[in-house]
Amino acid sequence: MGSNSKPETRNTKPQRQAGHTYRLMHPGEERTVCEMVHRVFDLSVAPIYTKRGLLNFKKYADPEEMCARVHSDHFVLLALADDEIIGMIEMRRHRHVSLFFVEQELQGKGLGGELLSLAVEICLSNSSPLREVTVNSSPNAVKAYERMGFQSTGGEQNISGVRSVPMVKVLGEEIRDKC
């Protein structure tokens, strides 16, 4: 698969777990997904960003930009409750978390871990071999990523006003051999 080709989405039928439904984002849902992302970002992350960082994040988390990314080398997995989007994870090239948000009142209850696990399953079924998944975590999300098995690979960065900490999750043999 070339870097500009659309990712395949094998093994991505809607799944129900813990009362939630998990499925890939459908065409036309980008606006609703980005609204949820912005809502959570504004509450949790925006207070630590500069104006430049806010503008750059908002530009990246734009429905048209998301649509273009999904048509190249990204996929977006959603968590829903009663058809309402309550969480999302966007993966780039089946190995990097580019966006990951869960409604604030549901954070710390396992929903993010489920989203990540299912996204990794999709990545494993589409990318061989896959030994690790990376993320540039918001500084205030580092602890959540650590609970999901990520480790910091460097200090905090500030790129164009966007603050992040590079992290990696090394996939164990039992995970890599699953698919």
Protein backbone atom coordinates (compact mmCIF):
# COMPACT_ATOMS: atom_id res chain seq x y z
CA MET A 1 0.00 0.00 0.00
CA GLY A 2 1.45 3.36 -1.02
CA SER A 3 1.52 6.24 1.42
CA ASN A 4 -1.31 7.97 -0.46
CA SER A 5 -3.59 4.99 -0.85
CA LYS A 6 -6.71 4.59 1.24
CA PRO A 7 -6.27 2.13 4.12
CA GLU A 8 -8.07 -1.15 3.82
CA THR A 9 -10.60 -1.81 6.50
CA ARG A 10 -10.72 -5.55 6.99
CA ASN A 11 -12.30 -6.85 10.20
CA THR A 12 -14.22 -3.63 10.81
CA LYS A 13 -17.82 -4.74 11.22
CA PRO A 14 -19.65 -2.83 13.98
CA GLN A 15 -18.92 -4.37 17.36
CA ARG A 16 -20.80 -4.10 20.64
CA GLN A 17 -18.88 -4.12 23.89
CA ALA A 18 -19.79 -2.83 27.34
CA GLY A 19 -23.05 -1.37 26.01
CA HIS A 20 -21.31 0.67 23.33
CA THR A 21 -21.07 0.21 19.58
CA TYR A 22 -17.73 0.60 17.83
CA ARG A 23 -17.50 1.16 14.07
CA LEU A 24 -15.64 3.04 11.40
CA MET A 25 -16.74 6.59 10.67
CA HIS A 26 -19.18 6.78 7.78
CA PRO A 27 -18.79 9.33 4.97
CA GLY A 28 -20.56 12.54 5.95
CA GLU A 29 -19.99 12.11 9.72
CA GLU A 30 -16.81 14.20 9.78
CA ARG A 31 -18.60 17.34 11.00
CA THR A 32 -20.27 15.56 13.93
CA VAL A 33 -17.00 13.81 14.85
CA CYS A 34 -15.06 17.09 14.74
CA GLU A 35 -17.71 18.82 16.87
CA MET A 36 -17.17 16.19 19.59
CA VAL A 37 -13.38 16.52 19.23
CA HIS A 38 -13.57 20.31 19.56
CA ARG A 39 -15.92 20.09 22.57
CA VAL A 40 -13.55 17.79 24.48
CA PHE A 41 -10.43 19.65 23.30
CA ASP A 42 -11.85 22.99 24.46
CA LEU A 43 -12.48 21.59 27.96
CA SER A 44 -9.36 19.47 28.41
CA VAL A 45 -6.52 20.62 26.19
CA ALA A 46 -7.11 24.16 24.92
CA PRO A 47 -6.26 25.83 28.24
CA ILE A 48 -2.59 24.76 27.91
CA TYR A 49 -2.17 25.85 24.26
CA THR A 50 -1.08 29.19 22.84
CA LYS A 51 -3.23 31.00 20.28
CA ARG A 52 -1.00 29.62 17.53
CA GLY A 53 -1.41 26.09 18.89
CA LEU A 54 -5.19 26.50 19.07
CA LEU A 55 -5.35 27.65 15.46
CA ASN A 56 -3.15 24.77 14.27
CA PHE A 57 -5.18 22.19 16.17
CA LYS A 58 -8.50 23.58 14.90
CA LYS A 59 -7.12 23.50 11.35
CA TYR A 60 -6.15 19.83 11.76
CA ALA A 61 -9.44 18.86 13.44
CA ASP A 62 -11.48 20.27 10.55
CA PRO A 63 -14.16 18.13 8.85
CA GLU A 64 -12.82 18.72 5.33
CA GLU A 65 -9.26 17.95 6.44
CA MET A 66 -10.44 14.79 8.21
CA CYS A 67 -12.31 13.68 5.09
CA ALA A 68 -9.18 14.17 2.98
CA ARG A 69 -7.07 12.21 5.47
CA VAL A 70 -9.55 9.31 5.55
CA HIS A 71 -9.38 9.16 1.76
CA SER A 72 -5.59 8.82 1.92
CA ASP A 73 -3.91 6.90 4.73
CA HIS A 74 -6.04 7.37 7.87
CA PHE A 75 -9.07 5.70 9.40
CA VAL A 76 -11.41 6.89 12.15
CA LEU A 77 -12.98 4.46 14.60
CA LEU A 78 -15.97 5.65 16.63
CA ALA A 79 -17.55 4.68 19.92
CA LEU A 80 -21.30 5.25 20.07
CA ALA A 81 -23.99 5.06 22.74
CA ASP A 82 -27.57 5.22 21.46
CA ASP A 83 -26.23 6.41 18.08
CA GLU A 84 -24.43 9.36 19.70
CA ILE A 85 -20.67 9.67 19.13
CA ILE A 86 -18.99 9.45 22.54
CA GLY A 87 -15.42 8.72 21.49
CA MET A 88 -13.13 8.52 18.48
CA ILE A 89 -9.63 7.50 17.49
CA GLU A 90 -7.96 8.45 14.21
CA MET A 91 -5.04 6.31 13.07
CA ARG A 92 -2.45 7.26 10.45
CA ARG A 93 -0.80 4.61 8.30
CA HIS A 94 -2.04 1.88 10.68
CA ARG A 95 0.60 2.78 13.27
CA HIS A 96 0.17 6.31 14.67
CA VAL A 97 -2.64 7.81 16.78
CA SER A 98 -3.31 11.22 15.25
CA LEU A 99 -6.49 12.12 17.19
CA PHE A 100 -8.02 10.39 20.23
CA PHE A 101 -10.91 11.88 22.20
CA VAL A 102 -13.54 10.55 24.59
CA GLU A 103 -16.38 12.63 26.04
CA GLN A 104 -15.12 14.09 29.31
CA GLU A 105 -17.73 12.44 31.56
CA LEU A 106 -16.74 9.00 30.17
CA GLN A 107 -12.97 9.40 30.56
CA GLY A 108 -11.28 6.95 32.92
CA LYS A 109 -13.99 4.30 32.50
CA GLY A 110 -12.31 2.04 29.93
CA LEU A 111 -13.90 3.46 26.77
CA GLY A 112 -10.59 4.84 25.49
CA GLY A 113 -8.86 1.53 26.14
CA GLU A 114 -11.54 -0.30 24.15
CA LEU A 115 -11.23 2.16 21.27
CA LEU A 116 -7.45 1.76 21.26
CA SER A 117 -7.64 -2.06 21.41
CA LEU A 118 -10.07 -2.21 18.50
CA ALA A 119 -8.03 0.29 16.48
CA VAL A 120 -4.90 -1.81 17.07
CA GLU A 121 -6.80 -4.90 15.85
CA ILE A 122 -7.65 -3.04 12.63
CA CYS A 123 -4.04 -1.92 12.30
CA LEU A 124 -2.77 -5.47 12.80
CA SER A 125 -5.10 -6.83 10.15
CA ASN A 126 -3.89 -4.21 7.66
CA SER A 127 -0.22 -3.72 8.48
CA SER A 128 2.25 -6.51 8.78
CA PRO A 129 4.47 -6.59 10.69
CA LEU A 130 3.30 -4.11 13.32
CA ARG A 131 5.52 -3.96 16.38
CA GLU A 132 4.48 -0.64 17.92
CA VAL A 133 1.94 2.17 17.87
CA THR A 134 3.01 5.78 18.42
CA VAL A 135 1.31 8.97 19.57
CA ASN A 136 2.23 12.57 20.28
CA SER A 137 0.24 12.96 23.50
CA SER A 138 -1.08 16.18 24.90
CA PRO A 139 0.89 16.78 28.13
CA ASN A 140 -2.27 16.37 30.21
CA ALA A 141 -3.11 12.99 28.58
CA VAL A 142 0.26 11.33 29.27
CA LYS A 143 -1.05 9.50 32.37
CA ALA A 144 -4.03 8.12 30.42
CA TYR A 145 -1.72 6.84 27.68
CA GLU A 146 0.56 5.29 30.30
CA ARG A 147 -2.45 3.39 31.71
CA MET A 148 -3.01 2.04 28.18
CA GLY A 149 0.59 0.78 27.95
CA PHE A 150 2.38 3.69 26.25
CA GLN A 151 5.78 4.94 27.39
CA SER A 152 7.35 8.34 26.80
CA THR A 153 10.17 8.37 24.26
CA GLY A 154 11.24 11.96 24.83
CA GLY A 155 10.48 15.22 26.54
CA GLU A 156 7.68 17.65 25.83
CA GLN A 157 7.78 19.28 22.40
CA ASN A 158 6.21 22.48 21.16
CA ILE A 159 5.74 22.46 17.40
CA SER A 160 3.88 25.44 15.99
CA GLY A 161 2.25 26.00 19.38
CA VAL A 162 1.03 22.40 19.67
CA ARG A 163 2.40 20.86 22.87
CA SER A 164 3.01 17.12 22.88
CA VAL A 165 5.00 14.29 24.40
CA PRO A 166 6.13 11.52 22.00
CA MET A 167 5.07 8.08 23.23
CA VAL A 168 5.13 4.48 22.01
CA LYS A 169 3.20 1.32 22.84
CA VAL A 170 5.24 -1.79 22.04
CA LEU A 171 2.92 -4.59 21.03
CA GLY A 172 3.57 -7.88 22.78
CA GLU A 173 3.87 -11.22 20.98
CA GLU A 174 0.34 -12.20 22.02
CA ILE A 175 -1.06 -9.09 20.32
CA ARG A 176 1.12 -9.28 17.19
CA ASP A 177 0.30 -12.95 16.66
CA LYS A 178 -3.45 -12.42 17.08
CA CYS A 179 -4.13 -11.65 13.43
